[in-house]
PDB file of N, CA and C in Angstrom:
ATOM      1  N   UNK A   1      58.131-195.504  79.476  1.00  0.00           N
ATOM      2  CA  UNK A   1      59.125-196.547  79.380  1.00  0.00           C
ATOM      3  C   UNK A   1      58.776-197.718  80.302  1.00  0.00           C
ATOM      4  N   UNK A   2      58.313-197.403  81.497  1.00  0.00           N
ATOM      5  CA  UNK A   2      57.960-198.453  82.439  1.00  0.00           C
ATOM      6  C   UNK A   2      56.846-199.341  81.903  1.00  0.00           C
ATOM      7  N   UNK A   3      55.869-198.742  81.231  1.00  0.00           N
ATOM      8  CA  UNK A   3      54.753-199.537  80.717  1.00  0.00           C
ATOM      9  C   UNK A   3      55.238-200.507  79.641  1.00  0.00           C
ATOM     10  N   UNK A   4      56.239-200.123  78.852  1.00  0.00           N
ATOM     11  CA  UNK A   4      56.803-201.038  77.865  1.00  0.00           C
ATOM     12  C   UNK A   4      57.494-202.219  78.555  1.00  0.00           C
ATOM     13  N   UNK A   5      58.196-201.919  79.619  1.00  0.00           N
ATOM     14  CA  UNK A   5      58.874-202.971  80.363  1.00  0.00           C
ATOM     15  C   UNK A   5      57.855-203.930  80.974  1.00  0.00           C
ATOM     16  N   UNK A   6      56.803-203.392  81.583  1.00  0.00           N
ATOM     17  CA  UNK A   6      55.762-204.231  82.167  1.00  0.00           C
ATOM     18  C   UNK A   6      55.095-205.085  81.085  1.00  0.00           C
ATOM     19  N   UNK A   7      54.839-204.476  79.945  1.00  0.00           N
ATOM     20  CA  UNK A   7      54.216-205.204  78.846  1.00  0.00           C
ATOM     21  C   UNK A   7      55.127-206.341  78.384  1.00  0.00           C
ATOM     22  N   UNK A   8      56.416-206.065  78.266  1.00  0.00           N
ATOM     23  CA  UNK A   8      57.376-207.084  77.832  1.00  0.00           C
ATOM     24  C   UNK A   8      57.432-208.238  78.835  1.00  0.00           C
ATOM     25  N   UNK A   9      57.482-207.914  80.119  1.00  0.00           N
ATOM     26  CA  UNK A   9      57.531-208.949  81.156  1.00  0.00           C
ATOM     27  C   UNK A   9      56.251-209.784  81.131  1.00  0.00           C
ATOM     28  N   UNK A  10      55.103-209.133  81.013  1.00  0.00           N
ATOM     29  CA  UNK A  10      53.827-209.846  80.950  1.00  0.00           C
ATOM     30  C   UNK A  10      53.777-210.753  79.715  1.00  0.00           C
ATOM     31  N   UNK A  11      54.220-210.246  78.591  1.00  0.00           N
ATOM     32  CA  UNK A  11      54.255-211.031  77.357  1.00  0.00           C
ATOM     33  C   UNK A  11      55.186-212.230  77.512  1.00  0.00           C
ATOM     34  N   UNK A  12      56.339-212.031  78.105  1.00  0.00           N
ATOM     35  CA  UNK A  12      57.309-213.112  78.307  1.00  0.00           C
ATOM     36  C   UNK A  12      56.744-214.186  79.235  1.00  0.00           C
ATOM     37  N   UNK A  13      56.117-213.764  80.339  1.00  0.00           N
ATOM     38  CA  UNK A  13      55.534-214.720  81.284  1.00  0.00           C
ATOM     39  C   UNK A  13      54.403-215.509  80.638  1.00  0.00           C
ATOM     40  N   UNK A  14      53.589-214.856  79.831  1.00  0.00           N
ATOM     41  CA  UNK A  14      52.508-215.536  79.125  1.00  0.00           C
ATOM     42  C   UNK A  14      53.066-216.560  78.152  1.00  0.00           C
ATOM     43  N   UNK A  15      54.088-216.190  77.424  1.00  0.00           N
ATOM     44  CA  UNK A  15      54.699-217.111  76.461  1.00  0.00           C
ATOM     45  C   UNK A  15      55.308-218.319  77.164  1.00  0.00           C
ATOM     46  N   UNK A  16      55.949-218.107  78.281  1.00  0.00           N
ATOM     47  CA  UNK A  16      56.542-219.222  79.030  1.00  0.00           C
ATOM     48  C   UNK A  16      55.474-220.153  79.557  1.00  0.00           C
ATOM     49  N   UNK A  17      54.378-219.610  80.020  1.00  0.00           N
ATOM     50  CA  UNK A  17      53.284-220.438  80.516  1.00  0.00           C
ATOM     51  C   UNK A  17      52.680-221.273  79.417  1.00  0.00           C
ATOM     52  N   UNK A  18      52.499-220.711  78.241  1.00  0.00           N
ATOM     53  CA  UNK A  18      51.942-221.456  77.111  1.00  0.00           C
ATOM     54  C   UNK A  18      52.891-222.565  76.694  1.00  0.00           C
ATOM     55  N   UNK A  19      54.165-222.263  76.695  1.00  0.00           N
ATOM     56  CA  UNK A  19      55.165-223.262  76.316  1.00  0.00           C
ATOM     57  C   UNK A  19      55.168-224.416  77.301  1.00  0.00           C
ATOM     58  N   UNK A  20      55.051-224.102  78.572  1.00  0.00           N
ATOM     59  CA  UNK A  20      55.047-225.132  79.599  1.00  0.00           C
ATOM     60  C   UNK A  20      53.826-226.040  79.442  1.00  0.00           C
ATOM     61  N   UNK A  21      52.674-225.461  79.170  1.00  0.00           N
ATOM     62  CA  UNK A  21      51.458-226.252  78.965  1.00  0.00           C
ATOM     63  C   UNK A  21      51.615-227.119  77.725  1.00  0.00           C
ATOM     64  N   UNK A  22      52.149-226.545  76.666  1.00  0.00           N
ATOM     65  CA  UNK A  22      52.371-227.290  75.426  1.00  0.00           C
ATOM     66  C   UNK A  22      53.336-228.448  75.657  1.00  0.00           C
ATOM     67  N   UNK A  23      54.392-228.208  76.440  1.00  0.00           N
ATOM     68  CA  UNK A  23      55.352-229.267  76.759  1.00  0.00           C
ATOM     69  C   UNK A  23      54.680-230.415  77.508  1.00  0.00           C
ATOM     70  N   UNK A  24      53.794-230.082  78.429  1.00  0.00           N
ATOM     71  CA  UNK A  24      53.087-231.117  79.194  1.00  0.00           C
ATOM     72  C   UNK A  24      52.189-231.946  78.278  1.00  0.00           C
ATOM     73  N   UNK A  25      51.521-231.293  77.357  1.00  0.00           N
ATOM     74  CA  UNK A  25      50.639-231.999  76.423  1.00  0.00           C
ATOM     75  C   UNK A  25      51.467-232.883  75.493  1.00  0.00           C
ATOM     76  N   UNK A  26      52.605-232.368  75.026  1.00  0.00           N
ATOM     77  CA  UNK A  26      53.480-233.181  74.175  1.00  0.00           C
ATOM     78  C   UNK A  26      54.059-234.361  74.946  1.00  0.00           C
ATOM     79  N   UNK A  27      54.355-234.181  76.230  1.00  0.00           N
ATOM     80  CA  UNK A  27      54.844-235.298  77.039  1.00  0.00           C
ATOM     81  C   UNK A  27      53.771-236.358  77.186  1.00  0.00           C
ATOM     82  N   UNK A  28      52.537-235.918  77.372  1.00  0.00           N
ATOM     83  CA  UNK A  28      51.430-236.873  77.458  1.00  0.00           C
ATOM     84  C   UNK A  28      51.274-237.620  76.131  1.00  0.00           C
ATOM     85  N   UNK A  29      51.405-236.906  75.016  1.00  0.00           N
ATOM     86  CA  UNK A  29      51.335-237.536  73.699  1.00  0.00           C
ATOM     87  C   UNK A  29      52.460-238.553  73.529  1.00  0.00           C
ATOM     88  N   UNK A  30      53.643-238.216  74.000  1.00  0.00           N
ATOM     89  CA  UNK A  30      54.788-239.132  73.915  1.00  0.00           C
ATOM     90  C   UNK A  30      54.546-240.371  74.765  1.00  0.00           C
ATOM     91  N   UNK A  31      53.967-240.194  75.943  1.00  0.00           N
ATOM     92  CA  UNK A  31      53.663-241.338  76.806  1.00  0.00           C
ATOM     93  C   UNK A  31      52.662-242.276  76.134  1.00  0.00           C
ATOM     94  N   UNK A  32      51.644-241.710  75.508  1.00  0.00           N
ATOM     95  CA  UNK A  32      50.650-242.515  74.796  1.00  0.00           C
ATOM     96  C   UNK A  32      51.316-243.253  73.646  1.00  0.00           C
ATOM     97  N   UNK A  33      52.157-242.543  72.895  1.00  0.00           N
ATOM     98  CA  UNK A  33      52.887-243.119  71.759  1.00  0.00           C
ATOM     99  C   UNK A  33      53.739-244.302  72.218  1.00  0.00           C
ATOM    100  N   UNK A  34      54.501-244.115  73.277  1.00  0.00           N
ATOM    101  CA  UNK A  34      55.387-245.164  73.773  1.00  0.00           C
ATOM    102  C   UNK A  34      54.611-246.361  74.313  1.00  0.00           C
ATOM    103  N   UNK A  35      53.490-246.106  74.953  1.00  0.00           N
ATOM    104  CA  UNK A  35      52.635-247.195  75.429  1.00  0.00           C
ATOM    105  C   UNK A  35      52.115-248.014  74.255  1.00  0.00           C
ATOM    106  N   UNK A  36      51.697-247.335  73.203  1.00  0.00           N
ATOM    107  CA  UNK A  36      51.200-248.034  72.014  1.00  0.00           C
ATOM    108  C   UNK A  36      52.307-248.870  71.378  1.00  0.00           C
ATOM    109  N   UNK A  37      53.527-248.351  71.344  1.00  0.00           N
ATOM    110  CA  UNK A  37      54.648-249.115  70.780  1.00  0.00           C
ATOM    111  C   UNK A  37      54.925-250.371  71.606  1.00  0.00           C
ATOM    112  N   UNK A  38      54.823-250.268  72.919  1.00  0.00           N
ATOM    113  CA  UNK A  38      55.006-251.443  73.773  1.00  0.00           C
ATOM    114  C   UNK A  38      53.920-252.481  73.501  1.00  0.00           C
ATOM    115  N   UNK A  39      52.711-252.016  73.273  1.00  0.00           N
ATOM    116  CA  UNK A  39      51.614-252.927  72.950  1.00  0.00           C
ATOM    117  C   UNK A  39      51.911-253.685  71.660  1.00  0.00           C
ATOM    118  N   UNK A  40      52.464-252.987  70.687  1.00  0.00           N
ATOM    119  CA  UNK A  40      52.799-253.630  69.410  1.00  0.00           C
ATOM    120  C   UNK A  40      53.856-254.711  69.626  1.00  0.00           C
ATOM    121  N   UNK A  41      54.866-254.388  70.405  1.00  0.00           N
ATOM    122  CA  UNK A  41      55.914-255.375  70.688  1.00  0.00           C
ATOM    123  C   UNK A  41      55.320-256.612  71.347  1.00  0.00           C
ATOM    124  N   UNK A  42      54.427-256.410  72.308  1.00  0.00           N
ATOM    125  CA  UNK A  42      53.789-257.535  72.988  1.00  0.00           C
ATOM    126  C   UNK A  42      52.933-258.348  72.020  1.00  0.00           C
ATOM    127  N   UNK A  43      52.203-257.666  71.149  1.00  0.00           N
ATOM    128  CA  UNK A  43      51.373-258.365  70.165  1.00  0.00           C
ATOM    129  C   UNK A  43      52.219-259.214  69.229  1.00  0.00           C
ATOM    130  N   UNK A  44      53.306-258.648  68.754  1.00  0.00           N
ATOM    131  CA  UNK A  44      54.169-259.388  67.840  1.00  0.00           C
ATOM    132  C   UNK A  44      54.780-260.605  68.534  1.00  0.00           C
ATOM    133  N   UNK A  45      55.155-260.457  69.782  1.00  0.00           N
ATOM    134  CA  UNK A  45      55.690-261.589  70.548  1.00  0.00           C
ATOM    135  C   UNK A  45      54.614-262.661  70.717  1.00  0.00           C
ATOM    136  N   UNK A  46      53.413-262.249  71.060  1.00  0.00           N
ATOM    137  CA  UNK A  46      52.307-263.192  71.220  1.00  0.00           C
ATOM    138  C   UNK A  46      52.042-263.939  69.921  1.00  0.00           C
ATOM    139  N   UNK A  47      52.052-263.220  68.808  1.00  0.00           N
ATOM    140  CA  UNK A  47      51.791-263.860  67.516  1.00  0.00           C
ATOM    141  C   UNK A  47      52.889-264.867  67.158  1.00  0.00           C
ATOM    142  N   UNK A  48      54.107-264.585  67.568  1.00  0.00           N
ATOM    143  CA  UNK A  48      55.218-265.501  67.279  1.00  0.00           C
ATOM    144  C   UNK A  48      55.189-266.726  68.183  1.00  0.00           C
ATOM    145  N   UNK A  49      54.753-266.551  69.428  1.00  0.00           N
ATOM    146  CA  UNK A  49      54.812-267.628  70.404  1.00  0.00           C
ATOM    147  C   UNK A  49      53.608-268.565  70.349  1.00  0.00           C
ATOM    148  N   UNK A  50      52.486-268.097  69.860  1.00  0.00           N
ATOM    149  CA  UNK A  50      51.275-268.912  69.832  1.00  0.00           C
ATOM    150  C   UNK A  50      50.988-269.410  68.429  1.00  0.00           C
ATOM    151  N   UNK A  51      50.242-270.475  68.364  1.00  0.00           N
ATOM    152  CA  UNK A  51      49.841-270.992  67.062  1.00  0.00           C
ATOM    153  C   UNK A  51      48.425-270.522  66.780  1.00  0.00           C
ATOM    154  N   UNK A  52      48.331-269.594  65.892  1.00  0.00           N
ATOM    155  CA  UNK A  52      47.046-269.088  65.433  1.00  0.00           C
ATOM    156  C   UNK A  52      46.847-269.581  64.010  1.00  0.00           C
ATOM    157  N   UNK A  53      45.617-269.637  63.549  1.00  0.00           N
ATOM    158  CA  UNK A  53      45.417-269.975  62.140  1.00  0.00           C
ATOM    159  C   UNK A  53      46.228-269.010  61.266  1.00  0.00           C
ATOM    160  N   UNK A  54      46.860-269.563  60.252  1.00  0.00           N
ATOM    161  CA  UNK A  54      47.770-268.768  59.418  1.00  0.00           C
ATOM    162  C   UNK A  54      47.098-267.539  58.825  1.00  0.00           C
ATOM    163  N   UNK A  55      45.861-267.688  58.349  1.00  0.00           N
ATOM    164  CA  UNK A  55      45.191-266.540  57.741  1.00  0.00           C
ATOM    165  C   UNK A  55      44.880-265.460  58.771  1.00  0.00           C
ATOM    166  N   UNK A  56      44.531-265.856  59.994  1.00  0.00           N
ATOM    167  CA  UNK A  56      44.259-264.878  61.048  1.00  0.00           C
ATOM    168  C   UNK A  56      45.529-264.146  61.449  1.00  0.00           C
ATOM    169  N   UNK A  57      46.601-264.893  61.667  1.00  0.00           N
ATOM    170  CA  UNK A  57      47.871-264.274  62.033  1.00  0.00           C
ATOM    171  C   UNK A  57      48.350-263.340  60.942  1.00  0.00           C
ATOM    172  N   UNK A  58      48.200-263.764  59.711  1.00  0.00           N
ATOM    173  CA  UNK A  58      48.632-262.950  58.570  1.00  0.00           C
ATOM    174  C   UNK A  58      47.838-261.642  58.500  1.00  0.00           C
ATOM    175  N   UNK A  59      46.527-261.740  58.708  1.00  0.00           N
ATOM    176  CA  UNK A  59      45.682-260.539  58.672  1.00  0.00           C
ATOM    177  C   UNK A  59      46.034-259.583  59.805  1.00  0.00           C
ATOM    178  N   UNK A  60      46.319-260.141  60.975  1.00  0.00           N
ATOM    179  CA  UNK A  60      46.670-259.287  62.122  1.00  0.00           C
ATOM    180  C   UNK A  60      48.030-258.632  61.896  1.00  0.00           C
ATOM    181  N   UNK A  61      48.986-259.386  61.400  1.00  0.00           N
ATOM    182  CA  UNK A  61      50.296-258.802  61.112  1.00  0.00           C
ATOM    183  C   UNK A  61      50.187-257.701  60.058  1.00  0.00           C
ATOM    184  N   UNK A  62      49.331-257.896  59.071  1.00  0.00           N
ATOM    185  CA  UNK A  62      49.120-256.863  58.047  1.00  0.00           C
ATOM    186  C   UNK A  62      48.514-255.607  58.675  1.00  0.00           C
ATOM    187  N   UNK A  63      47.570-255.786  59.598  1.00  0.00           N
ATOM    188  CA  UNK A  63      46.956-254.639  60.281  1.00  0.00           C
ATOM    189  C   UNK A  63      47.994-253.902  61.129  1.00  0.00           C
ATOM    190  N   UNK A  64      48.888-254.660  61.756  1.00  0.00           N
ATOM    191  CA  UNK A  64      49.953-254.030  62.552  1.00  0.00           C
ATOM    192  C   UNK A  64      50.886-253.233  61.645  1.00  0.00           C
ATOM    193  N   UNK A  65      51.209-253.755  60.470  1.00  0.00           N
ATOM    194  CA  UNK A  65      52.084-253.033  59.551  1.00  0.00           C
ATOM    195  C   UNK A  65      51.435-251.743  59.056  1.00  0.00           C
ATOM    196  N   UNK A  66      50.140-251.792  58.777  1.00  0.00           N
ATOM    197  CA  UNK A  66      49.423-250.567  58.377  1.00  0.00           C
ATOM    198  C   UNK A  66      49.499-249.559  59.512  1.00  0.00           C
ATOM    199  N   UNK A  67      49.298-250.039  60.727  1.00  0.00           N
ATOM    200  CA  UNK A  67      49.373-249.162  61.892  1.00  0.00           C
ATOM    201  C   UNK A  67      50.758-248.530  62.008  1.00  0.00           C
ATOM    202  N   UNK A  68      51.792-249.342  61.838  1.00  0.00           N
ATOM    203  CA  UNK A  68      53.165-248.828  61.930  1.00  0.00           C
ATOM    204  C   UNK A  68      53.434-247.771  60.868  1.00  0.00           C
ATOM    205  N   UNK A  69      52.909-247.983  59.671  1.00  0.00           N
ATOM    206  CA  UNK A  69      53.113-247.016  58.597  1.00  0.00           C
ATOM    207  C   UNK A  69      52.407-245.693  58.875  1.00  0.00           C
ATOM    208  N   UNK A  70      51.381-245.729  59.695  1.00  0.00           N
ATOM    209  CA  UNK A  70      50.638-244.513  60.040  1.00  0.00           C
ATOM    210  C   UNK A  70      51.215-243.783  61.255  1.00  0.00           C
ATOM    211  N   UNK A  71      52.216-244.373  61.892  1.00  0.00           N
ATOM    212  CA  UNK A  71      52.813-243.754  63.073  1.00  0.00           C
ATOM    213  C   UNK A  71      53.315-242.342  62.785  1.00  0.00           C
ATOM    214  N   UNK A  72      53.138-241.495  63.749  1.00  0.00           N
ATOM    215  CA  UNK A  72      53.653-240.128  63.686  1.00  0.00           C
ATOM    216  C   UNK A  72      54.472-239.914  64.945  1.00  0.00           C
ATOM    217  N   UNK A  73      55.695-239.476  64.777  1.00  0.00           N
ATOM    218  CA  UNK A  73      56.571-239.232  65.921  1.00  0.00           C
ATOM    219  C   UNK A  73      56.145-237.972  66.658  1.00  0.00           C
ATOM    220  N   UNK A  74      56.280-238.017  67.961  1.00  0.00           N
ATOM    221  CA  UNK A  74      56.009-236.852  68.803  1.00  0.00           C
ATOM    222  C   UNK A  74      57.306-236.049  68.903  1.00  0.00           C
ATOM    223  N   UNK A  75      57.272-234.766  68.599  1.00  0.00           N
ATOM    224  CA  UNK A  75      58.494-233.956  68.681  1.00  0.00           C
ATOM    225  C   UNK A  75      59.139-234.057  70.055  1.00  0.00           C
ATOM    226  N   UNK A  76      60.433-234.313  70.053  1.00  0.00           N
ATOM    227  CA  UNK A  76      61.192-234.387  71.291  1.00  0.00           C
ATOM    228  C   UNK A  76      61.132-235.734  71.987  1.00  0.00           C
ATOM    229  N   UNK A  77      60.375-236.675  71.444  1.00  0.00           N
ATOM    230  CA  UNK A  77      60.261-237.994  72.077  1.00  0.00           C
ATOM    231  C   UNK A  77      61.390-238.879  71.584  1.00  0.00           C
ATOM    232  N   UNK A  78      62.203-239.293  72.520  1.00  0.00           N
ATOM    233  CA  UNK A  78      63.322-240.164  72.185  1.00  0.00           C
ATOM    234  C   UNK A  78      62.978-241.585  72.569  1.00  0.00           C
ATOM    235  N   UNK A  79      62.890-242.442  71.565  1.00  0.00           N
ATOM    236  CA  UNK A  79      62.698-243.861  71.830  1.00  0.00           C
ATOM    237  C   UNK A  79      63.361-244.628  70.705  1.00  0.00           C
ATOM    238  N   UNK A  80      63.524-245.879  70.934  1.00  0.00           N
ATOM    239  CA  UNK A  80      64.188-246.716  69.943  1.00  0.00           C
ATOM    240  C   UNK A  80      63.260-247.843  69.561  1.00  0.00           C
ATOM    241  N   UNK A  81      63.058-247.971  68.271  1.00  0.00           N
ATOM    242  CA  UNK A  81      62.314-249.109  67.770  1.00  0.00           C
ATOM    243  C   UNK A  81      62.868-249.478  66.415  1.00  0.00           C
ATOM    244  N   UNK A  82      62.640-250.696  66.051  1.00  0.00           N
ATOM    245  CA  UNK A  82      63.201-251.181  64.807  1.00  0.00           C
ATOM    246  C   UNK A  82      62.349-250.718  63.643  1.00  0.00           C
ATOM    247  N   UNK A  83      62.991-250.565  62.519  1.00  0.00           N
ATOM    248  CA  UNK A  83      62.301-250.088  61.334  1.00  0.00           C
ATOM    249  C   UNK A  83      62.103-251.174  60.299  1.00  0.00           C
ATOM    250  N   UNK A  84      62.211-252.409  60.700  1.00  0.00           N
ATOM    251  CA  UNK A  84      62.004-253.486  59.755  1.00  0.00           C
ATOM    252  C   UNK A  84      60.537-253.544  59.384  1.00  0.00           C
ATOM    253  N   UNK A  85      60.269-253.554  58.083  1.00  0.00           N
ATOM    254  CA  UNK A  85      58.916-253.773  57.619  1.00  0.00           C
ATOM    255  C   UNK A  85      58.016-252.562  57.595  1.00  0.00           C
ATOM    256  N   UNK A  86      58.482-251.430  58.058  1.00  0.00           N
ATOM    257  CA  UNK A  86      57.642-250.240  57.952  1.00  0.00           C
ATOM    258  C   UNK A  86      58.512-249.016  57.724  1.00  0.00           C
ATOM    259  N   UNK A  87      57.872-247.970  57.285  1.00  0.00           N
ATOM    260  CA  UNK A  87      58.621-246.789  56.915  1.00  0.00           C
ATOM    261  C   UNK A  87      57.810-245.549  57.254  1.00  0.00           C
ATOM    262  N   UNK A  88      57.701-245.241  58.528  1.00  0.00           N
ATOM    263  CA  UNK A  88      56.986-244.025  58.869  1.00  0.00           C
ATOM    264  C   UNK A  88      57.961-242.854  58.880  1.00  0.00           C
ATOM    265  N   UNK A  89      57.412-241.691  58.746  1.00  0.00           N
ATOM    266  CA  UNK A  89      58.229-240.488  58.624  1.00  0.00           C
ATOM    267  C   UNK A  89      58.647-239.968  59.991  1.00  0.00           C
ATOM    268  N   UNK A  90      59.872-239.486  60.062  1.00  0.00           N
ATOM    269  CA  UNK A  90      60.345-238.817  61.264  1.00  0.00           C
ATOM    270  C   UNK A  90      60.351-237.316  61.059  1.00  0.00           C
ATOM    271  N   UNK A  91      59.785-236.863  59.956  1.00  0.00           N
ATOM    272  CA  UNK A  91      59.688-235.431  59.703  1.00  0.00           C
ATOM    273  C   UNK A  91      58.671-234.833  60.668  1.00  0.00           C
ATOM    274  N   UNK A  92      58.958-233.647  61.199  1.00  0.00           N
ATOM    275  CA  UNK A  92      57.999-233.040  62.116  1.00  0.00           C
ATOM    276  C   UNK A  92      56.676-232.751  61.417  1.00  0.00           C
ATOM    277  N   UNK A  93      55.591-233.024  62.108  1.00  0.00           N
ATOM    278  CA  UNK A  93      54.252-232.765  61.589  1.00  0.00           C
ATOM    279  C   UNK A  93      53.810-231.421  62.142  1.00  0.00           C
ATOM    280  N   UNK A  94      53.216-230.611  61.304  1.00  0.00           N
ATOM    281  CA  UNK A  94      52.817-229.268  61.707  1.00  0.00           C
ATOM    282  C   UNK A  94      51.420-229.290  62.322  1.00  0.00           C
ATOM    283  N   UNK A  95      51.353-229.711  63.590  1.00  0.00           N
ATOM    284  CA  UNK A  95      50.099-229.728  64.337  1.00  0.00           C
ATOM    285  C   UNK A  95      50.357-229.140  65.714  1.00  0.00           C
ATOM    286  N   UNK A  96      49.280-228.753  66.371  1.00  0.00           N
ATOM    287  CA  UNK A  96      49.421-228.240  67.728  1.00  0.00           C
ATOM    288  C   UNK A  96      49.692-229.407  68.673  1.00  0.00           C
ATOM    289  N   UNK A  97      50.110-229.084  69.877  1.00  0.00           N
ATOM    290  CA  UNK A  97      50.363-230.119  70.877  1.00  0.00           C
ATOM    291  C   UNK A  97      49.084-230.898  71.164  1.00  0.00           C
ATOM    292  N   UNK A  98      47.979-230.216  71.254  1.00  0.00           N
ATOM    293  CA  UNK A  98      46.692-230.867  71.517  1.00  0.00           C
ATOM    294  C   UNK A  98      46.300-231.792  70.357  1.00  0.00           C
ATOM    295  N   UNK A  99      46.535-231.360  69.127  1.00  0.00           N
ATOM    296  CA  UNK A  99      46.251-232.214  67.968  1.00  0.00           C
ATOM    297  C   UNK A  99      47.160-233.441  67.963  1.00  0.00           C
ATOM    298  N   UNK A 100      48.409-233.263  68.372  1.00  0.00           N
ATOM    299  CA  UNK A 100      49.336-234.392  68.440  1.00  0.00           C
ATOM    300  C   UNK A 100      48.853-235.401  69.475  1.00  0.00           C
ATOM    301  N   UNK A 101      48.390-234.922  70.602  1.00  0.00           N
ATOM    302  CA  UNK A 101      47.861-235.813  71.626  1.00  0.00           C
ATOM    303  C   UNK A 101      46.661-236.585  71.083  1.00  0.00           C
ATOM    304  N   UNK A 102      45.761-235.905  70.418  1.00  0.00           N
ATOM    305  CA  UNK A 102      44.581-236.575  69.866  1.00  0.00           C
ATOM    306  C   UNK A 102      44.979-237.629  68.831  1.00  0.00           C
ATOM    307  N   UNK A 103      45.965-237.311  68.013  1.00  0.00           N
ATOM    308  CA  UNK A 103      46.457-238.258  67.018  1.00  0.00           C
ATOM    309  C   UNK A 103      47.027-239.499  67.695  1.00  0.00           C
ATOM    310  N   UNK A 104      47.822-239.301  68.742  1.00  0.00           N
ATOM    311  CA  UNK A 104      48.419-240.432  69.453  1.00  0.00           C
ATOM    312  C   UNK A 104      47.345-241.275  70.150  1.00  0.00           C
ATOM    313  N   UNK A 105      46.329-240.623  70.689  1.00  0.00           N
ATOM    314  CA  UNK A 105      45.235-241.361  71.321  1.00  0.00           C
ATOM    315  C   UNK A 105      44.490-242.208  70.293  1.00  0.00           C
ATOM    316  N   UNK A 106      44.299-241.666  69.111  1.00  0.00           N
ATOM    317  CA  UNK A 106      43.630-242.416  68.042  1.00  0.00           C
ATOM    318  C   UNK A 106      44.469-243.619  67.617  1.00  0.00           C
ATOM    319  N   UNK A 107      45.777-243.418  67.468  1.00  0.00           N
ATOM    320  CA  UNK A 107      46.657-244.526  67.099  1.00  0.00           C
ATOM    321  C   UNK A 107      46.646-245.609  68.182  1.00  0.00           C
ATOM    322  N   UNK A 108      46.657-245.205  69.430  1.00  0.00           N
ATOM    323  CA  UNK A 108      46.620-246.176  70.525  1.00  0.00           C
ATOM    324  C   UNK A 108      45.302-246.938  70.510  1.00  0.00           C
ATOM    325  N   UNK A 109      44.232-246.246  70.258  1.00  0.00           N
ATOM    326  CA  UNK A 109      42.917-246.894  70.192  1.00  0.00           C
ATOM    327  C   UNK A 109      42.884-247.936  69.061  1.00  0.00           C
ATOM    328  N   UNK A 110      43.498-247.615  67.943  1.00  0.00           N
ATOM    329  CA  UNK A 110      43.553-248.569  66.830  1.00  0.00           C
ATOM    330  C   UNK A 110      44.339-249.816  67.200  1.00  0.00           C
ATOM    331  N   UNK A 111      45.472-249.662  67.897  1.00  0.00           N
ATOM    332  CA  UNK A 111      46.263-250.838  68.251  1.00  0.00           C
ATOM    333  C   UNK A 111      45.547-251.632  69.344  1.00  0.00           C
ATOM    334  N   UNK A 112      44.772-250.970  70.190  1.00  0.00           N
ATOM    335  CA  UNK A 112      43.985-251.689  71.194  1.00  0.00           C
ATOM    336  C   UNK A 112      42.937-252.578  70.529  1.00  0.00           C
ATOM    337  N   UNK A 113      42.355-252.126  69.431  1.00  0.00           N
ATOM    338  CA  UNK A 113      41.390-252.944  68.687  1.00  0.00           C
ATOM    339  C   UNK A 113      42.078-254.181  68.100  1.00  0.00           C
ATOM    340  N   UNK A 114      43.274-253.994  67.596  1.00  0.00           N
ATOM    341  CA  UNK A 114      44.034-255.135  67.060  1.00  0.00           C
ATOM    342  C   UNK A 114      44.358-256.104  68.198  1.00  0.00           C
ATOM    343  N   UNK A 115      44.704-255.575  69.348  1.00  0.00           N
ATOM    344  CA  UNK A 115      45.011-256.420  70.510  1.00  0.00           C
ATOM    345  C   UNK A 115      43.793-257.254  70.895  1.00  0.00           C
ATOM    346  N   UNK A 116      42.619-256.656  70.844  1.00  0.00           N
ATOM    347  CA  UNK A 116      41.391-257.389  71.172  1.00  0.00           C
ATOM    348  C   UNK A 116      41.165-258.540  70.181  1.00  0.00           C
ATOM    349  N   UNK A 117      41.516-258.327  68.927  1.00  0.00           N
ATOM    350  CA  UNK A 117      41.410-259.409  67.944  1.00  0.00           C
ATOM    351  C   UNK A 117      42.315-260.576  68.314  1.00  0.00           C
ATOM    352  N   UNK A 118      43.547-260.258  68.744  1.00  0.00           N
ATOM    353  CA  UNK A 118      44.493-261.302  69.140  1.00  0.00           C
ATOM    354  C   UNK A 118      43.980-262.018  70.384  1.00  0.00           C
ATOM    355  N   UNK A 119      43.473-261.264  71.344  1.00  0.00           N
ATOM    356  CA  UNK A 119      42.943-261.868  72.565  1.00  0.00           C
ATOM    357  C   UNK A 119      41.768-262.789  72.254  1.00  0.00           C
ATOM    358  N   UNK A 120      40.928-262.411  71.311  1.00  0.00           N
ATOM    359  CA  UNK A 120      39.785-263.253  70.930  1.00  0.00           C
ATOM    360  C   UNK A 120      40.272-264.564  70.315  1.00  0.00           C
ATOM    361  N   UNK A 121      41.372-264.525  69.575  1.00  0.00           N
ATOM    362  CA  UNK A 121      41.926-265.750  68.995  1.00  0.00           C
ATOM    363  C   UNK A 121      42.556-266.637  70.042  1.00  0.00           C
ATOM    364  N   UNK A 122      43.007-266.051  71.139  1.00  0.00           N
ATOM    365  CA  UNK A 122      43.693-266.798  72.194  1.00  0.00           C
ATOM    366  C   UNK A 122      42.736-267.610  73.060  1.00  0.00           C
ATOM    367  N   UNK A 123      41.469-267.301  72.986  1.00  0.00           N
ATOM    368  CA  UNK A 123      40.479-267.976  73.851  1.00  0.00           C
ATOM    369  C   UNK A 123      40.086-269.324  73.309  1.00  0.00           C
TER     370      UNK A 123
END
């Protein structure tokens, strides 16, 4: 009987440790996601405040909309953003915490490339 109890306690402690690690990875993914959203807000403000050639601004805004449509929410991440002009899903995606982090890093990298395009136009 004691060995069953020890096994149960060991199993419970292992599960809690895995959950804690997963939570940390999901928090990191949420931080990356939120940083990328702030970058988008800044880009949109920059595009509105500066005079860029119409075709360049239009192409950049289109790239931002594609990016927004590809957004994937991080489970448990509470943030507020407007849904005008895009329609990404809030349905949970069946990926591991590590895969979610990688996805968010990729999305952030894509918006950073768009930001570099805007910065090049500003020079």
